[in-house]
């Protein structure tokens, strides 16, 4: 996915950022929670969403925060699916 397409998609993902790790562009966002239990519950929701889609992120769960990183491992960067999954991840907090 070229830089122009990435920029267009980012307009729909408030709070997400594009990071370059190990030569691959990735979508990353840190979500804040009141405690570890709430962070863990959110991590489980993200995991279930990922499993249903067959597309799996990196999830780092810490006390009061969860960092979710989406990218397409097989492509070595970003795809439409990553932007879709990032949007769905954000929506988990609105339900």
C-alpha atoms as a PDB file:
ATOM      1  CA  UNK A   1       0.000   0.000   0.000  1.00  0.00           C
ATOM      2  CA  UNK A   2       1.481   3.331  -1.034  1.00  0.00           C
ATOM      3  CA  UNK A   3       1.812   6.390   1.208  1.00  0.00           C
ATOM      4  CA  UNK A   4      -1.128   8.193  -0.416  1.00  0.00           C
ATOM      5  CA  UNK A   5      -3.509   5.288   0.266  1.00  0.00           C
ATOM      6  CA  UNK A   6      -2.239   5.024   3.838  1.00  0.00           C
ATOM      7  CA  UNK A   7      -2.863   8.765   4.398  1.00  0.00           C
ATOM      8  CA  UNK A   8      -6.418   8.486   3.059  1.00  0.00           C
ATOM      9  CA  UNK A   9      -7.224   5.620   5.405  1.00  0.00           C
ATOM     10  CA  UNK A  10      -5.682   7.319   8.440  1.00  0.00           C
ATOM     11  CA  UNK A  11      -8.365  10.020   8.334  1.00  0.00           C
ATOM     12  CA  UNK A  12     -10.849   7.353   9.448  1.00  0.00           C
ATOM     13  CA  UNK A  13      -8.745   6.124  12.370  1.00  0.00           C
ATOM     14  CA  UNK A  14      -8.418   8.764  15.099  1.00  0.00           C
ATOM     15  CA  UNK A  15      -5.722   7.962  17.612  1.00  0.00           C
ATOM     16  CA  UNK A  16      -3.997   5.382  15.442  1.00  0.00           C
ATOM     17  CA  UNK A  17      -0.524   5.999  14.085  1.00  0.00           C
ATOM     18  CA  UNK A  18       1.615   4.441  11.394  1.00  0.00           C
ATOM     19  CA  UNK A  19       4.913   3.144  12.744  1.00  0.00           C
ATOM     20  CA  UNK A  20       7.780   1.544  10.877  1.00  0.00           C
ATOM     21  CA  UNK A  21       9.179  -1.464  12.710  1.00  0.00           C
ATOM     22  CA  UNK A  22      11.671  -3.882  11.222  1.00  0.00           C
ATOM     23  CA  UNK A  23      11.094  -2.339   7.799  1.00  0.00           C
ATOM     24  CA  UNK A  24       7.313  -2.858   7.854  1.00  0.00           C
ATOM     25  CA  UNK A  25       4.653  -0.163   8.237  1.00  0.00           C
ATOM     26  CA  UNK A  26       2.170  -1.011  10.991  1.00  0.00           C
ATOM     27  CA  UNK A  27      -0.920   0.549  12.553  1.00  0.00           C
ATOM     28  CA  UNK A  28      -0.556   1.072  16.284  1.00  0.00           C
ATOM     29  CA  UNK A  29      -2.730   2.483  19.053  1.00  0.00           C
ATOM     30  CA  UNK A  30      -2.503   2.540  22.838  1.00  0.00           C
ATOM     31  CA  UNK A  31      -5.838   2.164  24.655  1.00  0.00           C
ATOM     32  CA  UNK A  32      -6.104   3.261  28.307  1.00  0.00           C
ATOM     33  CA  UNK A  33      -8.128   1.497  31.021  1.00  0.00           C
ATOM     34  CA  UNK A  34      -8.848   1.931  34.705  1.00  0.00           C
ATOM     35  CA  UNK A  35      -6.989  -1.237  35.759  1.00  0.00           C
ATOM     36  CA  UNK A  36      -5.439  -4.504  34.621  1.00  0.00           C
ATOM     37  CA  UNK A  37      -8.729  -6.425  34.596  1.00  0.00           C
ATOM     38  CA  UNK A  38     -10.329  -3.944  32.167  1.00  0.00           C
ATOM     39  CA  UNK A  39      -7.231  -4.004  29.955  1.00  0.00           C
ATOM     40  CA  UNK A  40      -7.262  -7.805  29.950  1.00  0.00           C
ATOM     41  CA  UNK A  41     -10.973  -7.930  29.068  1.00  0.00           C
ATOM     42  CA  UNK A  42     -10.356  -5.634  26.100  1.00  0.00           C
ATOM     43  CA  UNK A  43      -7.408  -7.773  24.977  1.00  0.00           C
ATOM     44  CA  UNK A  44      -9.676 -10.820  24.958  1.00  0.00           C
ATOM     45  CA  UNK A  45     -12.247  -8.934  22.851  1.00  0.00           C
ATOM     46  CA  UNK A  46      -9.544  -7.955  20.348  1.00  0.00           C
ATOM     47  CA  UNK A  47      -8.354 -11.557  20.252  1.00  0.00           C
ATOM     48  CA  UNK A  48     -11.851 -12.854  19.550  1.00  0.00           C
ATOM     49  CA  UNK A  49     -12.339 -10.256  16.797  1.00  0.00           C
ATOM     50  CA  UNK A  50      -9.015 -11.283  15.258  1.00  0.00           C
ATOM     51  CA  UNK A  51      -9.830 -14.974  15.404  1.00  0.00           C
ATOM     52  CA  UNK A  52     -13.184 -14.437  13.674  1.00  0.00           C
ATOM     53  CA  UNK A  53     -11.447 -12.535  10.883  1.00  0.00           C
ATOM     54  CA  UNK A  54      -8.478 -14.870  10.622  1.00  0.00           C
ATOM     55  CA  UNK A  55      -6.181 -11.856  10.911  1.00  0.00           C
ATOM     56  CA  UNK A  56      -4.134 -11.484  14.073  1.00  0.00           C
ATOM     57  CA  UNK A  57      -2.489  -8.392  15.612  1.00  0.00           C
ATOM     58  CA  UNK A  58       0.223  -7.949  18.146  1.00  0.00           C
ATOM     59  CA  UNK A  59      -1.434  -7.236  21.503  1.00  0.00           C
ATOM     60  CA  UNK A  60       0.545  -5.962  24.485  1.00  0.00           C
ATOM     61  CA  UNK A  61      -1.477  -5.958  27.709  1.00  0.00           C
ATOM     62  CA  UNK A  62      -0.165  -3.996  30.681  1.00  0.00           C
ATOM     63  CA  UNK A  63      -1.677  -2.516  33.808  1.00  0.00           C
ATOM     64  CA  UNK A  64      -4.171   0.089  32.583  1.00  0.00           C
ATOM     65  CA  UNK A  65      -3.260  -0.073  28.916  1.00  0.00           C
ATOM     66  CA  UNK A  66      -3.316  -2.226  25.803  1.00  0.00           C
ATOM     67  CA  UNK A  67      -1.216  -1.591  22.715  1.00  0.00           C
ATOM     68  CA  UNK A  68      -2.669  -3.079  19.533  1.00  0.00           C
ATOM     69  CA  UNK A  69      -0.583  -3.293  16.365  1.00  0.00           C
ATOM     70  CA  UNK A  70      -2.013  -4.429  13.037  1.00  0.00           C
ATOM     71  CA  UNK A  71      -0.077  -5.293   9.870  1.00  0.00           C
ATOM     72  CA  UNK A  72      -0.117  -8.005   7.270  1.00  0.00           C
ATOM     73  CA  UNK A  73       2.745 -10.321   8.095  1.00  0.00           C
ATOM     74  CA  UNK A  74       2.612 -12.035   4.693  1.00  0.00           C
ATOM     75  CA  UNK A  75       2.850  -8.692   2.855  1.00  0.00           C
ATOM     76  CA  UNK A  76       5.433  -7.172   5.159  1.00  0.00           C
ATOM     77  CA  UNK A  77       3.303  -4.056   5.600  1.00  0.00           C
ATOM     78  CA  UNK A  78      -0.210  -2.664   5.531  1.00  0.00           C
ATOM     79  CA  UNK A  79      -3.288  -3.868   3.667  1.00  0.00           C
ATOM     80  CA  UNK A  80      -6.952  -2.846   3.499  1.00  0.00           C
ATOM     81  CA  UNK A  81      -7.675  -5.560   6.085  1.00  0.00           C
ATOM     82  CA  UNK A  82      -5.392  -3.873   8.614  1.00  0.00           C
ATOM     83  CA  UNK A  83      -7.299  -0.597   8.364  1.00  0.00           C
ATOM     84  CA  UNK A  84     -10.609  -2.450   8.622  1.00  0.00           C
ATOM     85  CA  UNK A  85      -9.448  -4.345  11.714  1.00  0.00           C
ATOM     86  CA  UNK A  86      -8.087  -1.181  13.347  1.00  0.00           C
ATOM     87  CA  UNK A  87     -11.486   0.482  12.868  1.00  0.00           C
ATOM     88  CA  UNK A  88     -13.252  -2.560  14.330  1.00  0.00           C
ATOM     89  CA  UNK A  89     -10.850  -2.560  17.258  1.00  0.00           C
ATOM     90  CA  UNK A  90     -11.731   1.054  18.076  1.00  0.00           C
ATOM     91  CA  UNK A  91     -15.438   0.241  17.823  1.00  0.00           C
ATOM     92  CA  UNK A  92     -15.104  -2.366  20.581  1.00  0.00           C
ATOM     93  CA  UNK A  93     -14.950   0.484  23.086  1.00  0.00           C
ATOM     94  CA  UNK A  94     -18.082   2.152  21.733  1.00  0.00           C
ATOM     95  CA  UNK A  95     -20.300  -0.922  22.246  1.00  0.00           C
END
